[in-house]
Protein backbone atom coordinates (compact mmCIF):
# COMPACT_ATOMS: atom_id res chain seq x y z
CA MET A 1 -28.10 3.70 -13.73
CA SER A 2 -26.56 5.49 -16.68
CA SER A 3 -23.27 4.15 -17.95
CA ILE A 4 -22.03 7.68 -18.48
CA VAL A 5 -20.02 9.13 -15.64
CA ARG A 6 -21.46 12.17 -13.97
CA THR A 7 -18.86 14.87 -14.13
CA PHE A 8 -18.57 17.83 -11.83
CA PRO A 9 -16.92 21.22 -12.37
CA HIS A 10 -13.80 20.59 -10.31
CA THR A 11 -12.86 24.16 -9.65
CA VAL A 12 -16.28 25.30 -8.46
CA LEU A 13 -16.98 22.26 -6.33
CA ALA A 14 -13.45 22.11 -4.95
CA ALA A 15 -13.79 25.73 -3.89
CA SER A 16 -17.10 25.03 -2.21
CA VAL A 17 -15.68 22.02 -0.38
CA LEU A 18 -12.71 24.08 0.76
CA ALA A 19 -15.02 26.84 1.91
CA MET A 20 -16.96 24.36 3.99
CA LEU A 21 -13.76 23.02 5.50
CA ALA A 22 -12.59 26.52 6.30
CA ALA A 23 -15.94 27.52 7.74
CA CYS A 24 -16.41 24.48 9.92
CA GLY A 25 -12.90 23.42 10.84
CA ASP A 26 -12.80 20.45 13.17
CA SER A 27 -15.36 21.80 15.64
CA ASP A 28 -18.00 23.66 13.66
CA SER A 29 -21.56 24.01 14.88
CA VAL A 30 -22.73 21.16 12.66
CA ALA A 31 -20.02 18.87 14.02
CA GLU A 32 -21.00 19.79 17.57
CA SER A 33 -24.60 18.81 16.84
CA LEU A 34 -23.63 15.32 15.68
CA PRO A 35 -23.38 12.48 18.20
CA GLN A 36 -19.94 11.83 19.64
CA LEU A 37 -19.44 8.10 19.90
CA SER A 38 -17.75 6.84 23.05
CA ALA A 39 -14.45 5.01 23.07
CA ALA A 40 -14.28 1.23 23.10
CA THR A 41 -13.28 -0.53 26.30
CA PRO A 42 -11.07 -3.64 26.38
CA ALA A 43 -12.12 -7.10 27.52
CA PRO A 44 -10.36 -10.47 27.83
CA LEU A 45 -11.40 -13.65 26.09
CA VAL A 46 -13.89 -15.67 28.12
CA GLY A 47 -12.68 -19.26 28.52
CA ASN A 48 -10.25 -20.56 25.93
CA CYS A 49 -10.00 -21.22 22.21
CA ALA A 50 -10.58 -24.94 22.55
CA ASP A 51 -14.11 -24.58 23.92
CA LEU A 52 -15.11 -21.57 21.82
CA ALA A 53 -16.45 -23.61 18.91
CA SER A 54 -18.85 -25.49 21.17
CA ARG A 55 -20.19 -22.22 22.60
CA ILE A 56 -21.03 -20.65 19.22
CA ALA A 57 -24.54 -21.55 18.09
CA LEU A 58 -25.87 -19.63 15.10
CA ALA A 59 -28.57 -20.71 12.66
CA GLY A 60 -27.18 -21.56 9.23
CA THR A 61 -23.60 -21.29 10.48
CA THR A 62 -21.13 -24.11 11.02
CA ILE A 63 -17.91 -23.52 12.95
CA THR A 64 -15.35 -25.82 11.36
CA ALA A 65 -12.37 -25.01 13.59
CA ALA A 66 -11.32 -22.96 16.59
CA SER A 67 -7.66 -23.05 17.54
CA ALA A 68 -5.17 -21.09 19.58
CA VAL A 69 -2.50 -19.11 17.74
CA ALA A 70 0.53 -18.32 19.88
CA ALA A 71 2.09 -14.88 19.99
CA GLY A 72 4.67 -14.50 17.23
CA THR A 73 3.17 -17.14 14.94
CA LEU A 74 2.23 -14.20 12.71
CA THR A 75 4.43 -11.16 12.35
CA ILE A 76 3.87 -7.77 10.78
CA ALA A 77 7.01 -5.87 9.67
CA GLY A 78 9.04 -8.17 11.93
CA THR A 79 6.90 -7.49 14.99
CA PRO A 80 5.10 -10.43 16.62
CA VAL A 81 1.29 -10.41 16.46
CA PRO A 82 -0.17 -11.12 19.93
CA ALA A 83 -1.83 -14.41 20.86
CA HIS A 84 -5.32 -14.94 19.50
CA CYS A 85 -7.98 -17.49 18.60
CA GLN A 86 -8.55 -18.41 14.97
CA VAL A 87 -12.15 -19.40 14.22
CA ALA A 88 -13.18 -20.76 10.82
CA GLY A 89 -16.70 -21.36 9.60
CA THR A 90 -19.22 -21.51 6.78
CA LEU A 91 -22.50 -19.70 6.39
CA GLN A 92 -25.57 -20.69 4.35
CA PRO A 93 -24.25 -23.65 2.31
CA ARG A 94 -26.36 -24.42 -0.75
CA VAL A 95 -26.31 -25.98 -4.19
CA SER A 96 -27.06 -23.65 -7.07
CA PRO A 97 -30.15 -24.47 -9.12
CA ILE A 98 -28.50 -22.68 -12.05
CA ASP A 99 -25.05 -24.25 -12.38
CA GLY A 100 -25.42 -27.18 -9.95
CA LYS A 101 -22.32 -26.20 -7.96
CA PRO A 102 -22.01 -25.93 -4.16
CA TYR A 103 -21.73 -22.48 -2.62
CA ALA A 104 -21.26 -21.11 0.89
CA ILE A 105 -19.87 -18.00 2.54
CA ARG A 106 -16.63 -19.12 4.16
CA PHE A 107 -14.96 -16.97 6.79
CA GLU A 108 -12.38 -16.79 9.50
CA MET A 109 -12.19 -14.63 12.59
CA ARG A 110 -9.14 -13.84 14.65
CA LEU A 111 -9.98 -12.95 18.23
CA PRO A 112 -7.21 -11.48 20.42
CA LEU A 113 -6.87 -12.85 23.92
CA ALA A 114 -6.44 -9.22 24.97
CA TRP A 115 -9.22 -7.50 23.01
CA ASN A 116 -9.51 -3.73 22.57
CA GLY A 117 -13.33 -3.80 22.33
CA ARG A 118 -13.39 -3.18 18.57
CA PHE A 119 -14.46 -5.20 15.51
CA PHE A 120 -12.87 -4.84 12.07
CA HIS A 121 -14.49 -6.30 8.95
CA GLN A 122 -11.68 -6.91 6.46
CA ALA A 123 -13.12 -6.33 2.99
CA ASN A 124 -10.89 -8.16 0.53
CA GLY A 125 -9.85 -7.25 -2.99
CA GLY A 126 -10.10 -8.66 -6.49
CA ILE A 127 -13.15 -10.81 -7.10
CA ASP A 128 -12.74 -12.46 -3.68
CA GLY A 129 -12.92 -16.27 -3.59
CA ASN A 130 -10.26 -16.76 -0.89
CA VAL A 131 -10.44 -16.55 2.88
CA VAL A 132 -7.21 -14.66 3.46
CA ALA A 133 -5.76 -14.20 6.93
CA ALA A 134 -8.02 -11.94 8.98
CA THR A 135 -5.43 -9.39 10.06
CA GLY A 136 -7.11 -6.10 9.08
CA GLY A 137 -5.31 -3.71 6.72
CA ILE A 138 -4.61 -0.13 7.74
CA GLY A 139 -3.99 1.28 4.23
CA GLY A 140 -1.08 1.78 1.87
CA GLY A 141 1.82 -0.52 1.07
CA GLY A 142 4.22 -2.34 3.38
CA PRO A 143 2.18 -1.81 6.57
CA LEU A 144 3.99 -1.67 9.90
CA THR A 145 0.92 -2.67 11.92
CA ASN A 146 -2.57 -4.04 11.39
CA ALA A 147 -5.91 -4.17 13.14
CA LEU A 148 -5.24 -7.58 14.71
CA GLN A 149 -1.96 -6.40 16.15
CA GLN A 150 -3.76 -3.38 17.58
CA GLY A 151 -6.22 -5.63 19.38
CA PHE A 152 -9.22 -5.68 17.04
CA ALA A 153 -11.32 -8.80 16.47
CA VAL A 154 -11.13 -9.24 12.68
CA ILE A 155 -13.22 -11.16 10.14
CA SER A 156 -12.28 -12.09 6.56
CA SER A 157 -14.35 -14.02 4.01
CA ASP A 158 -14.44 -15.35 0.46
CA ALA A 159 -17.68 -13.38 -0.21
CA GLY A 160 -19.59 -16.54 -1.07
CA HIS A 161 -17.53 -18.46 -3.63
CA THR A 162 -14.18 -20.17 -4.01
CA ALA A 163 -11.16 -19.29 -6.11
CA ALA A 164 -11.83 -22.40 -8.18
CA GLN A 165 -15.19 -20.87 -9.15
CA ASN A 166 -13.71 -17.53 -10.23
CA PRO A 167 -15.03 -15.88 -12.32
CA THR A 168 -17.71 -18.37 -13.35
CA PHE A 169 -19.41 -18.07 -9.98
CA GLY A 170 -21.27 -15.23 -11.68
CA ILE A 171 -23.37 -17.79 -13.53
CA ASP A 172 -25.16 -18.29 -10.20
CA PRO A 173 -27.34 -15.22 -9.51
CA GLN A 174 -27.16 -15.53 -5.72
CA ALA A 175 -23.36 -15.74 -5.81
CA ARG A 176 -23.41 -12.45 -7.73
CA LEU A 177 -25.46 -10.82 -5.00
CA ASP A 178 -23.32 -12.23 -2.19
CA TYR A 179 -20.20 -10.91 -3.86
CA GLY A 180 -21.81 -7.56 -4.54
CA TYR A 181 -23.19 -6.76 -1.10
CA GLN A 182 -25.07 -9.54 0.67
CA ALA A 183 -22.08 -11.43 2.11
CA VAL A 184 -21.13 -8.35 4.14
CA GLY A 185 -24.72 -7.96 5.32
CA LYS A 186 -24.95 -11.64 6.31
CA LEU A 187 -21.55 -11.86 8.00
CA THR A 188 -21.86 -8.71 10.09
CA PRO A 189 -24.39 -10.08 12.64
CA VAL A 190 -22.56 -13.43 12.67
CA ALA A 191 -19.27 -11.75 13.55
CA LYS A 192 -20.85 -9.61 16.25
CA SER A 193 -22.54 -12.67 17.76
CA ILE A 194 -19.25 -14.59 17.84
CA ILE A 195 -17.62 -11.61 19.55
CA GLN A 196 -20.44 -11.58 22.12
CA THR A 197 -19.83 -15.27 22.83
CA ALA A 198 -16.05 -14.88 22.95
CA TYR A 199 -15.88 -11.83 25.21
CA GLY A 200 -19.22 -11.67 26.97
CA LYS A 201 -20.17 -8.42 25.27
CA PRO A 202 -20.68 -7.13 21.72
CA PRO A 203 -18.11 -4.85 20.11
CA ASP A 204 -18.27 -1.30 21.43
CA ARG A 205 -17.15 0.03 18.07
CA SER A 206 -17.21 -1.58 14.63
CA TYR A 207 -15.05 -0.71 11.61
CA ILE A 208 -14.91 -1.94 8.02
CA GLY A 209 -12.21 -1.29 5.48
CA GLY A 210 -10.25 -2.45 2.47
CA CYS A 211 -8.63 -1.35 -0.76
CA SER A 212 -9.67 -1.83 -4.40
CA ASN A 213 -12.69 -4.13 -4.37
CA GLY A 214 -12.34 -3.92 -0.59
CA GLY A 215 -12.83 -0.17 -0.91
CA ARG A 216 -15.92 -0.87 -2.99
CA HIS A 217 -17.24 -3.29 -0.36
CA THR A 218 -16.72 -0.55 2.24
CA MET A 219 -18.52 2.12 0.22
CA VAL A 220 -21.42 -0.27 -0.39
CA ALA A 221 -21.55 -1.02 3.34
CA ALA A 222 -21.62 2.71 4.10
CA ALA A 223 -24.69 3.08 1.90
CA ARG A 224 -26.48 -0.18 2.78
CA TYR A 225 -25.33 -0.90 6.35
CA ALA A 226 -24.82 2.54 7.83
CA ASP A 227 -26.23 1.39 11.19
CA GLN A 228 -23.77 -1.49 11.55
CA TYR A 229 -20.39 0.25 11.47
CA ASP A 230 -18.92 3.30 13.15
CA GLY A 231 -15.89 3.79 10.92
CA TYR A 232 -15.41 3.16 7.20
CA LEU A 233 -11.89 2.98 5.69
CA VAL A 234 -12.09 3.26 1.89
CA GLY A 235 -8.96 2.62 -0.21
CA ASP A 236 -8.66 3.20 -3.99
CA PRO A 237 -12.28 2.13 -4.38
CA GLY A 238 -13.56 0.37 -7.48
CA PHE A 239 -17.06 1.41 -6.57
CA ARG A 240 -18.09 1.38 -10.25
CA LEU A 241 -16.05 -1.70 -10.97
CA PRO A 242 -17.99 -3.08 -13.97
CA LEU A 243 -17.59 0.19 -15.87
CA ALA A 244 -13.93 0.53 -14.91
CA ALA A 245 -13.26 -2.98 -16.23
CA ILE A 246 -14.97 -2.22 -19.56
CA ALA A 247 -13.05 1.05 -19.87
CA ASN A 248 -9.82 -0.88 -19.23
CA MET A 249 -10.65 -3.26 -22.08
CA ALA A 250 -11.45 -0.30 -24.31
CA GLY A 251 -7.94 0.86 -23.47
CA ALA A 252 -6.52 -2.53 -24.42
CA GLN A 253 -8.18 -2.26 -27.83
CA ALA A 254 -6.74 1.23 -28.31
CA TYR A 255 -3.22 0.16 -27.28
CA GLN A 256 -3.34 -2.80 -29.66
CA LYS A 257 -4.06 -0.43 -32.56
CA LEU A 258 -0.98 1.57 -31.57
CA ALA A 259 1.23 -1.47 -31.01
CA THR A 260 4.30 -2.17 -33.09
CA ASN A 261 3.70 -5.81 -32.18
CA PRO A 262 -0.06 -6.51 -32.10
CA ALA A 263 0.57 -9.66 -30.05
CA GLU A 264 1.96 -7.47 -27.25
CA ILE A 265 -0.28 -4.47 -26.60
CA SER A 266 2.30 -2.85 -24.30
CA THR A 267 4.23 -1.90 -27.44
CA GLY A 268 1.47 0.61 -28.09
CA PHE A 269 2.72 2.67 -25.14
CA THR A 270 6.15 1.42 -24.11
CA GLN A 271 7.82 1.82 -20.74
CA ALA A 272 10.19 4.42 -22.17
CA GLU A 273 7.26 6.35 -23.63
CA ARG A 274 5.29 6.17 -20.40
CA GLN A 275 8.28 7.38 -18.43
CA LEU A 276 8.71 10.19 -20.95
CA VAL A 277 5.16 11.35 -20.29
CA SER A 278 5.67 11.13 -16.51
CA ASN A 279 8.88 13.15 -16.78
CA ARG A 280 7.15 15.82 -18.85
CA VAL A 281 4.33 15.94 -16.30
CA LEU A 282 6.93 16.60 -13.62
CA VAL A 283 8.49 19.40 -15.69
CA ARG A 284 5.13 21.17 -15.78
CA CYS A 285 3.74 20.24 -12.38
CA ASP A 286 6.41 19.27 -9.88
CA ALA A 287 7.15 22.80 -8.69
CA LEU A 288 3.49 23.82 -8.34
CA ASP A 289 3.69 22.95 -4.63
CA GLY A 290 6.83 25.03 -4.09
CA ALA A 291 9.27 22.13 -4.16
CA THR A 292 10.90 20.23 -7.01
CA ASP A 293 10.87 16.82 -5.38
CA GLY A 294 9.47 14.28 -7.85
CA LEU A 295 5.90 14.51 -6.53
CA VAL A 296 2.85 16.28 -7.95
CA GLN A 297 0.94 17.45 -4.89
CA ASP A 298 -1.62 19.63 -6.66
CA THR A 299 -3.10 17.07 -9.06
CA GLN A 300 -5.95 19.31 -10.10
CA ALA A 301 -3.71 22.24 -11.03
CA CYS A 302 -1.46 19.84 -12.91
CA GLN A 303 -4.25 18.82 -15.28
CA LEU A 304 -4.55 22.48 -16.30
CA ALA A 305 -0.79 22.97 -16.55
CA PHE A 306 0.09 19.87 -18.56
CA ASP A 307 -0.91 19.33 -22.19
CA LEU A 308 0.03 16.03 -23.84
CA ALA A 309 0.00 17.46 -27.36
CA ARG A 310 2.14 20.45 -26.45
CA ASP A 311 4.48 19.15 -23.76
CA VAL A 312 5.58 15.80 -25.21
CA PRO A 313 7.64 15.84 -28.43
CA THR A 314 5.91 14.53 -31.55
CA CYS A 315 7.83 11.89 -33.46
CA THR A 316 9.13 12.94 -36.86
CA GLY A 317 10.84 9.61 -37.43
CA ALA A 318 10.88 6.20 -35.77
CA ARG A 319 9.55 5.71 -32.25
CA ASP A 320 12.53 5.54 -29.89
CA GLY A 321 11.06 6.50 -26.49
CA SER A 322 11.86 10.19 -26.87
CA CYS A 323 8.57 11.13 -28.52
CA LEU A 324 4.99 10.04 -29.22
CA THR A 325 3.40 9.82 -32.64
CA ALA A 326 0.47 12.07 -33.45
CA GLN A 327 -1.83 9.01 -33.36
CA GLN A 328 -0.47 7.97 -29.97
CA LYS A 329 -1.16 11.43 -28.60
CA LEU A 330 -4.70 11.35 -29.94
CA SER A 331 -5.57 7.86 -28.70
CA ILE A 332 -3.78 8.02 -25.35
CA GLY A 333 -5.15 11.50 -24.72
CA GLN A 334 -8.67 10.19 -25.29
CA LEU A 335 -8.10 7.38 -22.78
CA PHE A 336 -6.98 9.86 -20.13
CA THR A 337 -10.01 12.00 -20.89
CA GLY A 338 -12.08 8.85 -20.49
CA ALA A 339 -12.80 5.88 -22.75
CA THR A 340 -16.10 6.16 -24.62
CA THR A 341 -18.65 4.09 -26.47
CA SER A 342 -19.03 4.40 -30.22
CA THR A 343 -21.51 7.24 -29.65
CA GLY A 344 -19.02 9.21 -27.55
CA ALA A 345 -20.63 8.49 -24.17
CA ARG A 346 -18.01 8.22 -21.47
CA ILE A 347 -17.95 4.72 -20.00
CA TYR A 348 -16.25 5.35 -16.67
CA SER A 349 -13.99 8.28 -15.76
CA SER A 350 -11.09 10.46 -16.76
CA PHE A 351 -7.64 9.70 -15.33
CA PRO A 352 -5.16 12.36 -14.16
CA TYR A 353 -1.74 12.72 -15.69
CA ASP A 354 0.75 11.97 -12.93
CA ALA A 355 4.30 10.86 -12.17
CA GLY A 356 3.66 7.13 -11.80
CA LEU A 357 2.88 6.06 -15.39
CA GLY A 358 6.26 4.46 -16.08
CA THR A 359 5.98 1.80 -13.38
CA ALA A 360 5.33 -1.92 -13.60
CA GLY A 361 2.32 -1.43 -11.33
CA TRP A 362 0.72 0.87 -13.89
CA ALA A 363 1.55 -1.39 -16.84
CA VAL A 364 0.23 -4.65 -15.40
CA TRP A 365 -3.31 -3.31 -15.11
CA LYS A 366 -3.34 -1.76 -18.58
CA PHE A 367 -1.62 -4.48 -20.58
CA THR A 368 -2.04 -7.74 -18.63
CA PHE A 369 -5.07 -7.63 -16.37
CA SER A 370 -7.12 -6.00 -19.13
CA LEU A 371 -6.70 -9.30 -21.02
CA GLN A 372 -6.71 -11.75 -18.09
CA LEU A 373 -9.00 -10.45 -15.32
CA ASP A 374 -11.42 -7.91 -16.75
CA PRO A 375 -12.86 -10.14 -19.51
CA GLY A 376 -13.96 -12.91 -17.16
CA ALA A 377 -15.36 -10.50 -14.59
CA VAL A 378 -17.43 -8.66 -17.20
CA GLY A 379 -18.36 -11.80 -19.14
CA PHE A 380 -19.46 -13.95 -16.22
CA ILE A 381 -20.10 -11.81 -13.13
CA TRP A 382 -21.67 -8.66 -14.53
CA GLN A 383 -23.17 -9.35 -17.95
CA VAL A 384 -26.75 -10.48 -18.48
CA PRO A 385 -26.76 -13.06 -19.83
CA PRO A 386 -23.28 -14.35 -18.91
CA GLU A 387 -20.95 -15.79 -21.52
CA ASP A 388 -20.68 -19.52 -22.20
CA PRO A 389 -17.63 -20.85 -20.28
CA ALA A 390 -17.17 -23.68 -22.78
CA SER A 391 -16.29 -21.30 -25.61
CA PHE A 392 -15.08 -18.20 -23.74
CA ASN A 393 -11.70 -16.79 -24.78
CA PRO A 394 -10.75 -13.90 -22.46
CA GLN A 395 -8.17 -12.26 -24.70
CA GLN A 396 -10.43 -12.44 -27.73
CA PHE A 397 -13.31 -11.04 -25.66
CA ALA A 398 -11.16 -8.12 -24.52
CA LEU A 399 -9.58 -7.24 -27.85
CA THR A 400 -12.43 -7.90 -30.28
CA GLY A 401 -15.55 -7.68 -28.13
CA SER A 402 -18.04 -4.87 -28.64
CA ILE A 403 -17.58 -2.25 -25.95
CA ASP A 404 -21.08 -0.94 -26.62
CA SER A 405 -22.52 -4.41 -26.09
CA MET A 406 -20.63 -4.84 -22.83
CA VAL A 407 -22.02 -1.58 -21.47
CA THR A 408 -25.54 -2.60 -22.47
CA LYS A 409 -25.23 -6.05 -20.90
CA VAL A 410 -23.86 -4.90 -17.53
CA ASN A 411 -26.94 -2.69 -17.28
CA ALA A 412 -29.32 -5.52 -18.23
CA THR A 413 -31.56 -7.86 -16.24
CA ASN A 414 -33.74 -10.86 -17.05
CA ALA A 415 -35.91 -13.37 -15.19
CA THR A 416 -32.87 -15.18 -13.78
CA TYR A 417 -30.64 -12.18 -13.07
CA THR A 418 -33.06 -9.70 -11.55
CA GLU A 419 -30.46 -7.15 -10.36
CA ASN A 420 -28.06 -5.64 -12.85
CA SER A 421 -24.41 -5.24 -11.98
CA LEU A 422 -24.64 -1.52 -11.37
CA SER A 423 -27.27 -2.28 -8.75
CA PHE A 424 -25.56 -5.07 -6.84
CA MET A 425 -21.98 -3.81 -7.24
CA THR A 426 -22.29 -0.08 -6.57
CA PRO A 427 -23.40 1.80 -3.46
CA PRO A 428 -27.01 2.98 -3.78
CA ASN A 429 -27.20 6.78 -3.67
CA PRO A 430 -23.48 7.12 -2.81
CA ASN A 431 -23.64 10.90 -2.49
CA ASN A 432 -26.08 10.76 0.41
CA LEU A 433 -24.65 9.13 3.53
CA SER A 434 -26.77 11.13 5.97
CA ALA A 435 -27.73 7.99 7.92
CA LEU A 436 -24.05 7.33 8.58
CA ARG A 437 -23.30 10.94 9.34
CA ASN A 438 -26.24 11.53 11.66
CA ARG A 439 -25.35 8.70 13.99
CA GLY A 440 -21.80 9.96 14.48
CA ALA A 441 -20.02 7.49 12.21
CA LYS A 442 -17.02 8.60 10.15
CA MET A 443 -15.41 7.76 6.82
CA MET A 444 -11.82 8.15 5.63
CA ALA A 445 -10.93 7.48 1.99
CA TYR A 446 -7.61 7.52 0.18
CA HIS A 447 -6.64 7.10 -3.47
CA GLY A 448 -3.37 7.02 -5.40
CA THR A 449 -3.24 9.61 -8.17
CA SER A 450 -1.36 7.18 -10.45
CA ASP A 451 -3.90 4.38 -9.98
CA PRO A 452 -4.25 2.81 -13.47
CA ILE A 453 -7.53 0.91 -12.97
CA PHE A 454 -9.74 2.91 -10.58
CA SER A 455 -9.29 6.59 -11.20
CA SER A 456 -8.72 9.08 -8.40
CA ASP A 457 -10.80 11.44 -10.57
CA ASP A 458 -13.78 9.12 -10.05
CA THR A 459 -13.25 9.18 -6.30
CA THR A 460 -12.84 12.95 -6.12
CA ASN A 461 -16.02 13.38 -8.19
CA TRP A 462 -17.85 11.12 -5.75
CA PHE A 463 -16.43 12.99 -2.77
CA GLN A 464 -17.40 16.37 -4.17
CA GLY A 465 -20.94 15.12 -4.61
CA LEU A 466 -20.94 13.63 -1.13
CA THR A 467 -19.82 16.76 0.66
CA GLY A 468 -22.12 18.94 -1.43
CA ASN A 469 -25.12 16.72 -0.71
CA SER A 470 -24.48 16.31 3.00
CA GLY A 471 -23.74 19.95 3.67
CA SER A 472 -20.37 19.56 5.38
CA SER A 473 -17.23 17.48 5.53
CA ASN A 474 -17.42 16.81 9.24
CA PHE A 475 -17.92 13.06 8.78
CA ALA A 476 -15.87 12.15 5.67
CA ARG A 477 -12.39 12.99 4.42
CA LEU A 478 -10.53 12.04 1.26
CA PHE A 479 -6.74 11.85 1.07
CA LEU A 480 -5.07 11.71 -2.35
CA VAL A 481 -1.70 9.93 -2.40
CA PRO A 482 0.56 11.57 -5.03
CA GLY A 483 2.30 9.12 -7.35
CA MET A 484 0.79 5.99 -5.81
CA ASN A 485 -0.37 3.22 -8.14
CA HIS A 486 -3.25 0.89 -7.25
CA CYS A 487 -3.34 0.70 -3.43
CA SER A 488 0.47 0.84 -3.15
CA ALA A 489 3.79 1.37 -4.95
CA GLY A 490 4.59 3.98 -7.58
CA PRO A 491 6.97 6.91 -6.92
CA ALA A 492 5.13 7.73 -3.73
CA THR A 493 5.15 7.93 0.03
CA ASP A 494 2.79 4.97 0.21
CA GLN A 495 3.30 3.67 3.76
CA PHE A 496 0.71 5.07 6.15
CA ASP A 497 -1.79 4.16 8.85
CA MET A 498 -5.33 5.36 8.16
CA LEU A 499 -6.97 3.16 10.80
CA THR A 500 -5.53 4.85 13.89
CA PRO A 501 -6.69 8.37 12.89
CA LEU A 502 -10.08 6.93 11.92
CA VAL A 503 -10.47 5.46 15.40
CA ASN A 504 -9.39 8.74 16.97
CA TRP A 505 -11.95 10.60 14.89
CA VAL A 506 -14.79 8.19 15.63
CA GLU A 507 -14.14 7.74 19.33
CA ARG A 508 -12.39 10.95 20.40
CA GLY A 509 -13.67 13.53 17.95
CA GLN A 510 -10.15 14.25 16.62
CA ALA A 511 -10.68 15.01 12.93
CA PRO A 512 -7.52 14.21 10.93
CA GLY A 513 -5.89 17.38 9.62
CA SER A 514 -3.31 15.26 7.77
CA VAL A 515 -1.83 11.76 7.77
CA VAL A 516 1.93 11.32 7.63
CA ALA A 517 3.10 8.90 4.93
CA SER A 518 6.57 7.44 4.37
CA ALA A 519 8.52 6.20 1.40
CA ARG A 520 9.60 2.56 1.47
CA GLY A 521 13.22 2.82 0.43
CA ALA A 522 16.09 0.47 1.23
CA GLY A 523 15.81 -1.14 4.64
CA ASN A 524 12.13 -0.47 5.17
CA ALA A 525 10.69 -2.90 7.72
CA GLY A 526 7.43 -3.29 5.81
CA GLY A 527 9.10 -4.10 2.50
CA VAL A 528 10.92 -2.04 -0.12
CA ASN A 529 9.03 -0.25 -2.89
CA ALA A 530 11.13 -0.62 -6.05
CA ASP A 531 9.53 2.51 -7.51
CA VAL A 532 11.06 4.89 -4.95
CA PRO A 533 13.32 7.19 -7.03
CA ALA A 534 17.02 6.96 -6.30
CA PRO A 535 17.42 10.65 -5.30
CA TRP A 536 14.84 10.33 -2.50
CA ALA A 537 15.79 9.60 1.07
CA ALA A 538 14.81 6.02 1.86
CA ASN A 539 12.57 7.25 4.67
CA ARG A 540 11.12 10.37 3.01
CA THR A 541 7.87 11.54 4.63
CA ARG A 542 5.02 13.69 3.41
CA PRO A 543 1.69 14.81 4.81
CA LEU A 544 -1.35 13.40 3.04
CA CYS A 545 -3.86 16.21 3.06
CA PRO A 546 -7.66 16.18 3.27
CA TYR A 547 -9.05 17.00 -0.16
CA PRO A 548 -9.11 19.62 -1.61
CA GLN A 549 -6.10 20.78 0.40
CA VAL A 550 -2.64 19.99 -0.97
CA ALA A 551 0.80 19.70 0.61
CA ARG A 552 2.87 22.82 -0.02
CA TYR A 553 6.51 23.42 0.85
CA LYS A 554 6.92 25.97 3.63
CA GLY A 555 9.98 27.49 1.95
CA SER A 556 12.58 26.09 4.28
CA GLY A 557 13.50 22.78 5.81
CA SER A 558 14.45 19.40 4.42
CA LEU A 559 12.61 18.22 1.31
CA GLU A 560 12.66 14.75 2.84
CA GLU A 561 10.55 15.59 5.90
CA ALA A 562 6.81 16.03 6.26
CA ALA A 563 7.39 18.84 8.77
CA SER A 564 8.63 21.04 5.90
CA PHE A 565 5.18 20.92 4.27
CA SER A 566 1.75 22.13 5.29
CA CYS A 567 -1.73 21.36 4.01
CA VAL A 568 -3.16 24.43 2.27
CA ALA A 569 -5.78 25.44 -0.25
CA PRO A 570 -4.94 24.46 -3.84
CA GLY A 571 -3.83 27.00 -6.39
């Protein structure tokens, strides 16, 4: 796979996608020709938690615990989670012939006593390594419900390695493959078999979802395991994660050159300067949707309306947060256009200018994780050959390493590492999901437009290619979340439930025309988002619209209510 991002003419493709949406609606002739999957039916747990472990017999799988969890032991937004069984186990334990360390795929399942007939595979974020509680995320920040609370049987795993092995698990080639895609493939039949044992029937409907690396896992599953799941929930996906990580380190090198204190790269683009840019973006773009409300709904139009060189003052004296130097404008502008190799080849993707650049959530990815997380992931998990852990210095790797060499090495293979990272990490042929589509399965994706690590531009480019390749949008929808940082936060309405509309689409044929999202201001039950601007109502709502539609103010009604906005064509 080329390391250069494939770019698409946004305006032409967006128009074609919109035309397809307009032509087909929610019940076009193509949609009518696709299978309509039936709704899941509930079932109670057979027997009890105590005897469940003895009834599960699967080759290569050891059940290490099965215990009852009383209602209210877990809560979500203050609401008790119903009673369920917690099952823990390990799959395919082994000792690596490469690094001599033990590996296994560890997992837990939570099985409601009152089951809704559905299975949810919780794809976790980061570089995995932890079996987090299998509750099943629904999307966004501060959720008010989850899949477990809704009655799903949920599985979570460490994807084949432990946190203590991060990121050096990548020295073992099989651990790389498990993390990339094989753990999901191996766990899926195990989970379905456990459900069969627990309830006396397999799941009627199966869903998989997650954000960040979890979104990547989900996209990979859509391409590799299209016959195993009926609904795919994709959040802020890092589906080209190795390239995004290298681009982020290229950014770190650029910010260090701009820094007034080279030991602190954030001084290359300070919080005051980032907020200045966000404010100037709002001046140019806020009213494009008919309302001056602190949100840029038409992200695409904004990129044409805003010009960094023109719209942000150029410093004539010392940097004081009210201007950017000419060199800052040049370097930062290039990063938003897309970091490149020394030959000018784009490494990953462009990023849109948006209103959420001044937040802590944006800064931590650019100035901290670029030095702490990305180096190890690239150096050990994705490069061929991997770095030597005895001498590896992550900050030195990030700030002085050759970007060109990193790109070459994540594309490389050898006799030990026979799949390169862009093979095992990314979905094969991601723009053709006809196998998923033709069996009646559905996909919903969302992405924050102020995401600092995985660009919403990358996701919209993928989606444009997907809808163009597949001929219609009757099986997949993308929802951009204005102002949202990575998976949550930012000056955004970032609290929403994508799982319920996905189920309604899969099982009832109700295609989502929009998804209502809320701000998480003071008093929010799911947790307060510190980035909510003071002038906003604490419970502001907005419709999230299926791309390429955007939310536009109707001309009357409260600016704090979703009902005052409608999803319309951009422009």
